[in-house]
C-alpha atoms as a PDB file:
ATOM      1  CA  UNK A   1      27.681  43.797  66.429  1.00  0.00           C
ATOM      2  CA  UNK A   2      26.470  40.900  68.523  1.00  0.00           C
ATOM      3  CA  UNK A   3      24.984  38.233  66.195  1.00  0.00           C
ATOM      4  CA  UNK A   4      21.882  37.771  68.342  1.00  0.00           C
ATOM      5  CA  UNK A   5      21.135  41.490  68.205  1.00  0.00           C
ATOM      6  CA  UNK A   6      21.885  41.524  64.483  1.00  0.00           C
ATOM      7  CA  UNK A   7      19.480  38.627  63.902  1.00  0.00           C
ATOM      8  CA  UNK A   8      16.729  40.313  65.911  1.00  0.00           C
ATOM      9  CA  UNK A   9      17.192  43.540  63.965  1.00  0.00           C
ATOM     10  CA  UNK A  10      17.197  41.566  60.693  1.00  0.00           C
ATOM     11  CA  UNK A  11      13.824  40.025  61.542  1.00  0.00           C
ATOM     12  CA  UNK A  12      12.388  43.390  62.605  1.00  0.00           C
ATOM     13  CA  UNK A  13      13.667  44.998  59.382  1.00  0.00           C
ATOM     14  CA  UNK A  14      12.197  42.124  57.366  1.00  0.00           C
ATOM     15  CA  UNK A  15       8.823  42.533  59.046  1.00  0.00           C
ATOM     16  CA  UNK A  16       8.807  46.293  58.456  1.00  0.00           C
ATOM     17  CA  UNK A  17       9.892  46.118  54.808  1.00  0.00           C
ATOM     18  CA  UNK A  18       7.560  43.180  54.115  1.00  0.00           C
ATOM     19  CA  UNK A  19       4.646  45.060  55.682  1.00  0.00           C
ATOM     20  CA  UNK A  20       5.381  48.118  53.556  1.00  0.00           C
ATOM     21  CA  UNK A  21       5.386  45.976  50.399  1.00  0.00           C
ATOM     22  CA  UNK A  22       2.171  44.256  51.508  1.00  0.00           C
ATOM     23  CA  UNK A  23       0.354  47.522  52.222  1.00  0.00           C
ATOM     24  CA  UNK A  24       1.639  49.149  49.041  1.00  0.00           C
ATOM     25  CA  UNK A  25       0.165  46.363  46.933  1.00  0.00           C
ATOM     26  CA  UNK A  26      -3.101  46.404  48.883  1.00  0.00           C
ATOM     27  CA  UNK A  27      -3.392  50.170  48.443  1.00  0.00           C
ATOM     28  CA  UNK A  28      -3.012  50.031  44.647  1.00  0.00           C
ATOM     29  CA  UNK A  29      -5.212  46.962  44.209  1.00  0.00           C
ATOM     30  CA  UNK A  30      -8.494  48.872  44.056  1.00  0.00           C
ATOM     31  CA  UNK A  31      -7.271  51.077  41.222  1.00  0.00           C
ATOM     32  CA  UNK A  32      -6.099  48.102  39.154  1.00  0.00           C
ATOM     33  CA  UNK A  33      -9.067  45.797  39.824  1.00  0.00           C
ATOM     34  CA  UNK A  34     -11.993  47.856  41.141  1.00  0.00           C
ATOM     35  CA  UNK A  35     -14.141  46.279  43.845  1.00  0.00           C
ATOM     36  CA  UNK A  36     -17.453  44.794  42.689  1.00  0.00           C
ATOM     37  CA  UNK A  37     -20.568  46.956  42.497  1.00  0.00           C
ATOM     38  CA  UNK A  38     -21.746  47.544  46.040  1.00  0.00           C
ATOM     39  CA  UNK A  39     -18.465  46.286  47.449  1.00  0.00           C
ATOM     40  CA  UNK A  40     -16.944  48.593  50.035  1.00  0.00           C
ATOM     41  CA  UNK A  41     -13.357  47.882  51.046  1.00  0.00           C
ATOM     42  CA  UNK A  42     -12.649  50.967  53.142  1.00  0.00           C
ATOM     43  CA  UNK A  43     -12.975  49.267  56.537  1.00  0.00           C
ATOM     44  CA  UNK A  44     -12.639  45.712  57.819  1.00  0.00           C
ATOM     45  CA  UNK A  45     -16.354  45.590  58.700  1.00  0.00           C
ATOM     46  CA  UNK A  46     -17.421  46.775  55.241  1.00  0.00           C
ATOM     47  CA  UNK A  47     -15.050  44.333  53.570  1.00  0.00           C
ATOM     48  CA  UNK A  48     -16.382  41.467  55.682  1.00  0.00           C
ATOM     49  CA  UNK A  49     -19.986  42.320  54.817  1.00  0.00           C
ATOM     50  CA  UNK A  50     -19.338  42.537  51.061  1.00  0.00           C
ATOM     51  CA  UNK A  51     -16.724  39.815  50.526  1.00  0.00           C
ATOM     52  CA  UNK A  52     -19.448  37.515  49.190  1.00  0.00           C
ATOM     53  CA  UNK A  53     -19.642  39.815  46.126  1.00  0.00           C
ATOM     54  CA  UNK A  54     -15.985  39.262  45.215  1.00  0.00           C
ATOM     55  CA  UNK A  55     -14.998  37.248  42.158  1.00  0.00           C
ATOM     56  CA  UNK A  56     -11.734  35.296  41.883  1.00  0.00           C
ATOM     57  CA  UNK A  57     -10.037  38.267  40.185  1.00  0.00           C
ATOM     58  CA  UNK A  58     -10.596  40.350  43.324  1.00  0.00           C
ATOM     59  CA  UNK A  59      -8.410  37.954  45.316  1.00  0.00           C
ATOM     60  CA  UNK A  60      -5.385  38.315  43.020  1.00  0.00           C
ATOM     61  CA  UNK A  61      -3.935  41.415  44.665  1.00  0.00           C
ATOM     62  CA  UNK A  62      -4.491  40.271  48.263  1.00  0.00           C
ATOM     63  CA  UNK A  63      -2.634  37.055  47.402  1.00  0.00           C
ATOM     64  CA  UNK A  64       0.166  38.990  45.685  1.00  0.00           C
ATOM     65  CA  UNK A  65       0.393  41.359  48.661  1.00  0.00           C
ATOM     66  CA  UNK A  66       0.739  38.478  51.096  1.00  0.00           C
ATOM     67  CA  UNK A  67       3.161  36.482  48.949  1.00  0.00           C
ATOM     68  CA  UNK A  68       5.394  39.366  47.821  1.00  0.00           C
ATOM     69  CA  UNK A  69       5.375  41.021  51.249  1.00  0.00           C
ATOM     70  CA  UNK A  70       6.557  37.764  52.807  1.00  0.00           C
ATOM     71  CA  UNK A  71       9.093  37.151  50.032  1.00  0.00           C
ATOM     72  CA  UNK A  72      10.676  40.593  50.338  1.00  0.00           C
ATOM     73  CA  UNK A  73      10.565  40.548  54.140  1.00  0.00           C
ATOM     74  CA  UNK A  74      12.247  37.147  54.307  1.00  0.00           C
ATOM     75  CA  UNK A  75      14.826  38.224  51.725  1.00  0.00           C
ATOM     76  CA  UNK A  76      15.703  41.304  53.794  1.00  0.00           C
ATOM     77  CA  UNK A  77      15.919  39.276  57.016  1.00  0.00           C
ATOM     78  CA  UNK A  78      18.156  36.659  55.400  1.00  0.00           C
ATOM     79  CA  UNK A  79      20.412  39.288  53.843  1.00  0.00           C
ATOM     80  CA  UNK A  80      20.842  41.204  57.100  1.00  0.00           C
ATOM     81  CA  UNK A  81      21.091  38.268  59.525  1.00  0.00           C
ATOM     82  CA  UNK A  82      24.466  37.434  60.976  1.00  0.00           C
ATOM     83  CA  UNK A  83      23.820  33.701  61.344  1.00  0.00           C
ATOM     84  CA  UNK A  84      20.968  31.240  60.804  1.00  0.00           C
ATOM     85  CA  UNK A  85      19.702  33.103  57.771  1.00  0.00           C
ATOM     86  CA  UNK A  86      17.125  30.452  56.871  1.00  0.00           C
ATOM     87  CA  UNK A  87      15.713  30.575  60.394  1.00  0.00           C
ATOM     88  CA  UNK A  88      15.444  34.371  60.287  1.00  0.00           C
ATOM     89  CA  UNK A  89      13.646  34.210  56.921  1.00  0.00           C
ATOM     90  CA  UNK A  90      11.267  31.546  58.252  1.00  0.00           C
ATOM     91  CA  UNK A  91      10.536  33.586  61.388  1.00  0.00           C
ATOM     92  CA  UNK A  92       9.388  36.413  59.112  1.00  0.00           C
ATOM     93  CA  UNK A  93       7.291  33.902  57.163  1.00  0.00           C
ATOM     94  CA  UNK A  94       5.698  32.539  60.348  1.00  0.00           C
ATOM     95  CA  UNK A  95       4.919  36.051  61.590  1.00  0.00           C
ATOM     96  CA  UNK A  96       3.162  36.849  58.321  1.00  0.00           C
ATOM     97  CA  UNK A  97       1.421  33.444  58.444  1.00  0.00           C
ATOM     98  CA  UNK A  98       0.036  34.290  61.877  1.00  0.00           C
ATOM     99  CA  UNK A  99      -1.203  37.633  60.553  1.00  0.00           C
ATOM    100  CA  UNK A 100      -2.744  35.951  57.508  1.00  0.00           C
ATOM    101  CA  UNK A 101      -4.481  33.367  59.665  1.00  0.00           C
ATOM    102  CA  UNK A 102      -5.936  36.072  61.902  1.00  0.00           C
ATOM    103  CA  UNK A 103      -7.039  38.050  58.845  1.00  0.00           C
ATOM    104  CA  UNK A 104      -8.788  35.031  57.313  1.00  0.00           C
ATOM    105  CA  UNK A 105     -10.486  34.169  60.608  1.00  0.00           C
ATOM    106  CA  UNK A 106     -11.818  37.738  60.859  1.00  0.00           C
ATOM    107  CA  UNK A 107     -12.850  38.184  57.206  1.00  0.00           C
ATOM    108  CA  UNK A 108     -13.813  34.744  56.045  1.00  0.00           C
ATOM    109  CA  UNK A 109     -13.851  34.456  52.291  1.00  0.00           C
ATOM    110  CA  UNK A 110     -13.886  31.478  49.979  1.00  0.00           C
ATOM    111  CA  UNK A 111     -12.208  28.304  51.158  1.00  0.00           C
ATOM    112  CA  UNK A 112     -10.101  28.009  47.992  1.00  0.00           C
ATOM    113  CA  UNK A 113      -8.526  31.413  48.643  1.00  0.00           C
ATOM    114  CA  UNK A 114      -7.940  30.742  52.327  1.00  0.00           C
ATOM    115  CA  UNK A 115      -6.210  27.464  51.522  1.00  0.00           C
ATOM    116  CA  UNK A 116      -4.135  28.924  48.681  1.00  0.00           C
ATOM    117  CA  UNK A 117      -3.131  31.927  50.759  1.00  0.00           C
ATOM    118  CA  UNK A 118      -2.151  29.995  53.885  1.00  0.00           C
ATOM    119  CA  UNK A 119      -0.373  27.178  52.030  1.00  0.00           C
ATOM    120  CA  UNK A 120       1.509  29.129  49.336  1.00  0.00           C
ATOM    121  CA  UNK A 121       1.886  32.786  50.345  1.00  0.00           C
ATOM    122  CA  UNK A 122       3.875  32.503  53.549  1.00  0.00           C
ATOM    123  CA  UNK A 123       6.288  29.650  54.340  1.00  0.00           C
ATOM    124  CA  UNK A 124       7.153  28.786  50.712  1.00  0.00           C
ATOM    125  CA  UNK A 125       7.706  32.480  49.954  1.00  0.00           C
ATOM    126  CA  UNK A 126       9.905  32.860  53.045  1.00  0.00           C
ATOM    127  CA  UNK A 127      11.958  29.884  51.870  1.00  0.00           C
ATOM    128  CA  UNK A 128      12.198  31.385  48.373  1.00  0.00           C
ATOM    129  CA  UNK A 129      13.288  34.699  49.912  1.00  0.00           C
ATOM    130  CA  UNK A 130      16.110  32.867  51.687  1.00  0.00           C
ATOM    131  CA  UNK A 131      17.126  31.142  48.439  1.00  0.00           C
ATOM    132  CA  UNK A 132      17.143  34.463  46.554  1.00  0.00           C
ATOM    133  CA  UNK A 133      19.283  36.013  49.299  1.00  0.00           C
ATOM    134  CA  UNK A 134      22.153  33.713  48.489  1.00  0.00           C
ATOM    135  CA  UNK A 135      21.591  30.978  51.128  1.00  0.00           C
ATOM    136  CA  UNK A 136      24.903  31.695  52.909  1.00  0.00           C
END
């Protein structure tokens, strides 16, 4: 298979698998740490209007979803890529970073979480995914 096509498919596969991991963690988060009283997380608008009720513990699963989704997605991209495995992993990380930035701009939330999420959950996790893939 052409290496360019293989690299494109590796990134697409990484984005799909990473998104599945992300959504899986988000979907179970409410059953592990219930939302605060009066906090509705069923829609983006409801979440935005009640995010001020959230305590630090309520941000644990969103952070894990972003970090682990990026980690797994980058790992998959690096494993499947034909060449430039680090670049493919970082492309996945940048795609998730863009999504995270858009999400934070739409939802708001505490500054400490926004900073932690944007600084730690995306590019460092993509790099770690590449390392875990074998770095070849």
